[in-house]
Amino acid sequence: MKRNPHTPNEKAKLVLEVLKGERTLNEIASEHSIHPNMLSRWKNEAIAGLASVFENDAAQKRKEKKEHETEIDELYAQIGKLTTQNEWLKKKSGL
C-alpha cells in the first residue's frame, strides 16, 4: 500500500471534521482513504497541542530576551576579569 503524504492543512481539516462529531471517525477515514488509527492519532495530537495555540508569544520572547541579556552580562564580566588578569600578567612578566 502506497503512503500518501498529507499536508498540515489537510490534517487540520480532517481533525476538525472528526471533532465536530457529525459523522463517525470511520466514515471520515473511509471517505478520504485514511486508516482510522491514523485519523485518531492526528486527533489526539491536535488535542494535546491545543494549549500551545493560546500561549502568549510576547511573554516567551521577553523571557528569552531576559536570558540573553543575563548571558551577555556574564560574558562581559568574564571579559573584564580576563582583561584584568592579562594586564597583571603583562606587568609582572615585564613585557
N, C-alpha and C. Protein backbone atom coordinates (compact mmCIF):
# COMPACT_ATOMS: atom_id res chain seq x y z
N MET A 1 0.85 -1.18 0.00
CA MET A 1 0.00 0.00 0.00
C MET A 1 0.89 1.24 0.00
N LYS A 2 0.62 2.16 -0.87
CA LYS A 2 1.41 3.37 -1.02
C LYS A 2 0.98 4.41 0.02
N ARG A 3 1.97 5.07 0.62
CA ARG A 3 1.68 6.11 1.58
C ARG A 3 1.45 7.43 0.87
N ASN A 4 0.42 8.11 1.27
CA ASN A 4 0.11 9.42 0.70
C ASN A 4 0.44 10.49 1.74
N PRO A 5 1.37 11.37 1.42
CA PRO A 5 1.66 12.44 2.38
C PRO A 5 0.50 13.43 2.45
N HIS A 6 0.20 13.86 3.65
CA HIS A 6 -0.89 14.80 3.85
C HIS A 6 -0.32 16.10 4.42
N THR A 7 -0.78 17.20 3.90
CA THR A 7 -0.29 18.49 4.37
C THR A 7 -0.93 18.79 5.73
N PRO A 8 -0.30 19.67 6.50
CA PRO A 8 -0.89 20.05 7.79
C PRO A 8 -2.30 20.62 7.65
N ASN A 9 -2.55 21.32 6.55
CA ASN A 9 -3.90 21.87 6.33
C ASN A 9 -4.93 20.76 6.14
N GLU A 10 -4.55 19.74 5.39
CA GLU A 10 -5.46 18.61 5.18
C GLU A 10 -5.74 17.90 6.50
N LYS A 11 -4.67 17.70 7.29
CA LYS A 11 -4.83 17.04 8.58
C LYS A 11 -5.75 17.84 9.48
N ALA A 12 -5.55 19.15 9.52
CA ALA A 12 -6.37 20.01 10.36
C ALA A 12 -7.83 19.95 9.94
N LYS A 13 -8.06 19.97 8.64
CA LYS A 13 -9.42 19.92 8.12
C LYS A 13 -10.12 18.62 8.54
N LEU A 14 -9.39 17.51 8.42
CA LEU A 14 -9.97 16.21 8.79
C LEU A 14 -10.20 16.11 10.29
N VAL A 15 -9.27 16.62 11.08
CA VAL A 15 -9.42 16.56 12.53
C VAL A 15 -10.61 17.43 12.97
N LEU A 16 -10.77 18.58 12.37
CA LEU A 16 -11.93 19.42 12.69
C LEU A 16 -13.23 18.70 12.37
N GLU A 17 -13.22 18.00 11.27
CA GLU A 17 -14.40 17.24 10.87
C GLU A 17 -14.70 16.16 11.91
N VAL A 18 -13.66 15.51 12.41
CA VAL A 18 -13.85 14.48 13.44
C VAL A 18 -14.36 15.10 14.73
N LEU A 19 -13.78 16.24 15.10
CA LEU A 19 -14.17 16.89 16.35
C LEU A 19 -15.59 17.43 16.32
N LYS A 20 -16.08 17.79 15.14
CA LYS A 20 -17.47 18.26 15.04
C LYS A 20 -18.44 17.15 15.44
N GLY A 21 -18.10 15.91 15.13
CA GLY A 21 -18.91 14.78 15.53
C GLY A 21 -20.15 14.54 14.70
N GLU A 22 -20.23 15.18 13.54
CA GLU A 22 -21.39 14.99 12.68
C GLU A 22 -21.38 13.61 12.03
N ARG A 23 -20.19 13.11 11.76
CA ARG A 23 -20.03 11.76 11.20
C ARG A 23 -19.02 11.01 12.05
N THR A 24 -19.03 9.70 11.94
CA THR A 24 -18.10 8.90 12.73
C THR A 24 -16.70 8.98 12.14
N LEU A 25 -15.75 8.65 12.98
CA LEU A 25 -14.35 8.65 12.56
C LEU A 25 -14.14 7.67 11.40
N ASN A 26 -14.79 6.53 11.47
CA ASN A 26 -14.64 5.53 10.40
C ASN A 26 -15.20 6.02 9.07
N GLU A 27 -16.30 6.74 9.10
CA GLU A 27 -16.88 7.28 7.87
C GLU A 27 -15.92 8.28 7.22
N ILE A 28 -15.37 9.16 8.04
CA ILE A 28 -14.44 10.17 7.52
C ILE A 28 -13.18 9.51 6.99
N ALA A 29 -12.68 8.53 7.72
CA ALA A 29 -11.46 7.84 7.30
C ALA A 29 -11.66 7.11 5.98
N SER A 30 -12.77 6.42 5.82
CA SER A 30 -13.00 5.67 4.58
C SER A 30 -13.23 6.61 3.40
N GLU A 31 -13.87 7.75 3.64
CA GLU A 31 -14.12 8.70 2.56
C GLU A 31 -12.81 9.28 2.02
N HIS A 32 -11.84 9.49 2.91
CA HIS A 32 -10.58 10.10 2.50
C HIS A 32 -9.45 9.09 2.35
N SER A 33 -9.76 7.81 2.39
CA SER A 33 -8.79 6.72 2.23
C SER A 33 -7.64 6.83 3.23
N ILE A 34 -8.02 7.03 4.47
CA ILE A 34 -7.05 7.11 5.57
C ILE A 34 -7.44 6.06 6.59
N HIS A 35 -6.44 5.41 7.17
CA HIS A 35 -6.73 4.41 8.19
C HIS A 35 -7.30 5.13 9.41
N PRO A 36 -8.34 4.57 10.02
CA PRO A 36 -8.95 5.21 11.19
C PRO A 36 -7.95 5.45 12.34
N ASN A 37 -6.98 4.55 12.50
CA ASN A 37 -5.99 4.74 13.56
C ASN A 37 -5.16 6.00 13.31
N MET A 38 -4.85 6.27 12.06
CA MET A 38 -4.07 7.46 11.73
C MET A 38 -4.88 8.71 12.03
N LEU A 39 -6.13 8.69 11.67
CA LEU A 39 -7.01 9.83 11.93
C LEU A 39 -7.17 10.04 13.44
N SER A 40 -7.28 8.95 14.16
CA SER A 40 -7.38 9.03 15.62
C SER A 40 -6.11 9.61 16.23
N ARG A 41 -4.96 9.21 15.70
CA ARG A 41 -3.69 9.73 16.20
C ARG A 41 -3.57 11.23 15.92
N TRP A 42 -3.97 11.66 14.74
CA TRP A 42 -3.94 13.09 14.40
C TRP A 42 -4.85 13.86 15.36
N LYS A 43 -6.00 13.29 15.67
CA LYS A 43 -6.94 13.94 16.58
C LYS A 43 -6.30 14.10 17.96
N ASN A 44 -5.67 13.05 18.46
CA ASN A 44 -5.03 13.10 19.77
C ASN A 44 -3.89 14.12 19.79
N GLU A 45 -3.10 14.18 18.72
CA GLU A 45 -2.01 15.16 18.63
C GLU A 45 -2.57 16.58 18.62
N ALA A 46 -3.67 16.78 17.92
CA ALA A 46 -4.28 18.11 17.85
C ALA A 46 -4.80 18.53 19.22
N ILE A 47 -5.42 17.63 19.91
CA ILE A 47 -5.95 17.94 21.24
C ILE A 47 -4.81 18.22 22.22
N ALA A 48 -3.74 17.42 22.14
CA ALA A 48 -2.60 17.63 23.03
C ALA A 48 -1.90 18.96 22.76
N GLY A 49 -1.87 19.40 21.51
CA GLY A 49 -1.19 20.64 21.15
C GLY A 49 -2.07 21.86 21.17
N LEU A 50 -3.32 21.69 21.55
CA LEU A 50 -4.26 22.80 21.52
C LEU A 50 -3.87 23.92 22.47
N ALA A 51 -3.28 23.61 23.60
CA ALA A 51 -2.90 24.64 24.58
C ALA A 51 -1.85 25.59 24.00
N SER A 52 -1.01 25.10 23.11
CA SER A 52 0.04 25.94 22.55
C SER A 52 -0.53 27.05 21.67
N VAL A 53 -1.74 26.88 21.19
CA VAL A 53 -2.38 27.91 20.37
C VAL A 53 -2.63 29.17 21.19
N PHE A 54 -2.90 28.98 22.48
CA PHE A 54 -3.27 30.10 23.34
C PHE A 54 -2.10 30.64 24.16
N GLU A 55 -0.89 30.12 23.93
CA GLU A 55 0.26 30.63 24.66
C GLU A 55 0.58 32.03 24.20
N ASN A 56 1.10 32.81 25.11
CA ASN A 56 1.43 34.19 24.83
C ASN A 56 2.87 34.24 24.30
N ASP A 57 3.03 34.53 23.02
CA ASP A 57 4.36 34.60 22.42
C ASP A 57 5.17 35.76 22.98
N ALA A 58 4.51 36.84 23.33
CA ALA A 58 5.23 38.00 23.86
C ALA A 58 5.92 37.65 25.18
N ALA A 59 5.26 36.90 26.03
CA ALA A 59 5.86 36.50 27.30
C ALA A 59 7.08 35.61 27.06
N GLN A 60 6.96 34.71 26.12
CA GLN A 60 8.09 33.83 25.79
C GLN A 60 9.26 34.63 25.25
N LYS A 61 8.98 35.62 24.39
CA LYS A 61 10.05 36.44 23.83
C LYS A 61 10.72 37.28 24.91
N ARG A 62 9.92 37.81 25.85
CA ARG A 62 10.51 38.58 26.95
C ARG A 62 11.42 37.71 27.80
N LYS A 63 10.99 36.49 28.05
CA LYS A 63 11.79 35.56 28.84
C LYS A 63 13.11 35.26 28.13
N GLU A 64 13.04 34.99 26.84
CA GLU A 64 14.25 34.72 26.07
C GLU A 64 15.17 35.93 26.03
N LYS A 65 14.61 37.13 25.90
CA LYS A 65 15.41 38.34 25.87
C LYS A 65 16.11 38.56 27.20
N LYS A 66 15.40 38.32 28.29
CA LYS A 66 15.99 38.47 29.62
C LYS A 66 17.14 37.47 29.81
N GLU A 67 16.94 36.23 29.39
CA GLU A 67 18.00 35.23 29.49
C GLU A 67 19.21 35.63 28.65
N HIS A 68 18.95 36.18 27.47
CA HIS A 68 20.03 36.61 26.57
C HIS A 68 20.82 37.76 27.21
N GLU A 69 20.11 38.71 27.79
CA GLU A 69 20.77 39.85 28.43
C GLU A 69 21.60 39.38 29.63
N THR A 70 21.10 38.42 30.39
CA THR A 70 21.83 37.88 31.52
C THR A 70 23.12 37.20 31.04
N GLU A 71 23.01 36.45 29.96
CA GLU A 71 24.18 35.78 29.41
C GLU A 71 25.21 36.80 28.91
N ILE A 72 24.75 37.86 28.28
CA ILE A 72 25.67 38.91 27.80
C ILE A 72 26.37 39.58 28.98
N ASP A 73 25.63 39.87 30.04
CA ASP A 73 26.23 40.48 31.23
C ASP A 73 27.31 39.57 31.82
N GLU A 74 27.03 38.27 31.89
CA GLU A 74 28.02 37.32 32.41
C GLU A 74 29.27 37.29 31.53
N LEU A 75 29.06 37.34 30.22
CA LEU A 75 30.20 37.31 29.30
C LEU A 75 31.04 38.58 29.43
N TYR A 76 30.39 39.74 29.57
CA TYR A 76 31.13 40.99 29.75
C TYR A 76 31.92 40.95 31.06
N ALA A 77 31.35 40.39 32.11
CA ALA A 77 32.06 40.27 33.39
C ALA A 77 33.29 39.37 33.22
N GLN A 78 33.13 38.29 32.49
CA GLN A 78 34.25 37.38 32.25
C GLN A 78 35.33 38.07 31.41
N ILE A 79 34.94 38.85 30.41
CA ILE A 79 35.90 39.59 29.59
C ILE A 79 36.68 40.56 30.46
N GLY A 80 35.98 41.27 31.34
CA GLY A 80 36.65 42.21 32.24
C GLY A 80 37.65 41.52 33.14
N LYS A 81 37.26 40.39 33.68
CA LYS A 81 38.15 39.62 34.56
C LYS A 81 39.39 39.15 33.80
N LEU A 82 39.19 38.63 32.62
CA LEU A 82 40.32 38.13 31.82
C LEU A 82 41.24 39.27 31.38
N THR A 83 40.65 40.41 31.05
CA THR A 83 41.46 41.58 30.66
C THR A 83 42.33 42.02 31.84
N THR A 84 41.74 42.06 33.02
CA THR A 84 42.49 42.45 34.22
C THR A 84 43.62 41.46 34.49
N GLN A 85 43.34 40.17 34.38
CA GLN A 85 44.37 39.16 34.60
C GLN A 85 45.47 39.27 33.56
N ASN A 86 45.10 39.54 32.32
CA ASN A 86 46.07 39.68 31.24
C ASN A 86 46.99 40.88 31.49
N GLU A 87 46.43 42.00 31.89
CA GLU A 87 47.21 43.19 32.19
C GLU A 87 48.16 42.94 33.36
N TRP A 88 47.67 42.24 34.39
CA TRP A 88 48.50 41.93 35.55
C TRP A 88 49.67 41.04 35.15
N LEU A 89 49.41 40.04 34.30
CA LEU A 89 50.47 39.14 33.84
C LEU A 89 51.50 39.90 33.00
N LYS A 90 51.04 40.79 32.15
CA LYS A 90 51.97 41.60 31.35
C LYS A 90 52.86 42.44 32.27
N LYS A 91 52.28 43.03 33.28
CA LYS A 91 53.01 43.89 34.21
C LYS A 91 54.05 43.07 34.99
N LYS A 92 53.67 41.87 35.45
CA LYS A 92 54.56 41.04 36.24
C LYS A 92 55.66 40.42 35.40
N SER A 93 55.39 40.14 34.14
CA SER A 93 56.40 39.50 33.29
C SER A 93 57.37 40.51 32.71
N GLY A 94 57.03 41.77 32.77
CA GLY A 94 57.92 42.81 32.28
C GLY A 94 57.80 43.08 30.80
N LEU A 95 56.74 42.71 30.19
CA LEU A 95 56.56 42.95 28.73
C LEU A 95 56.07 44.30 28.46
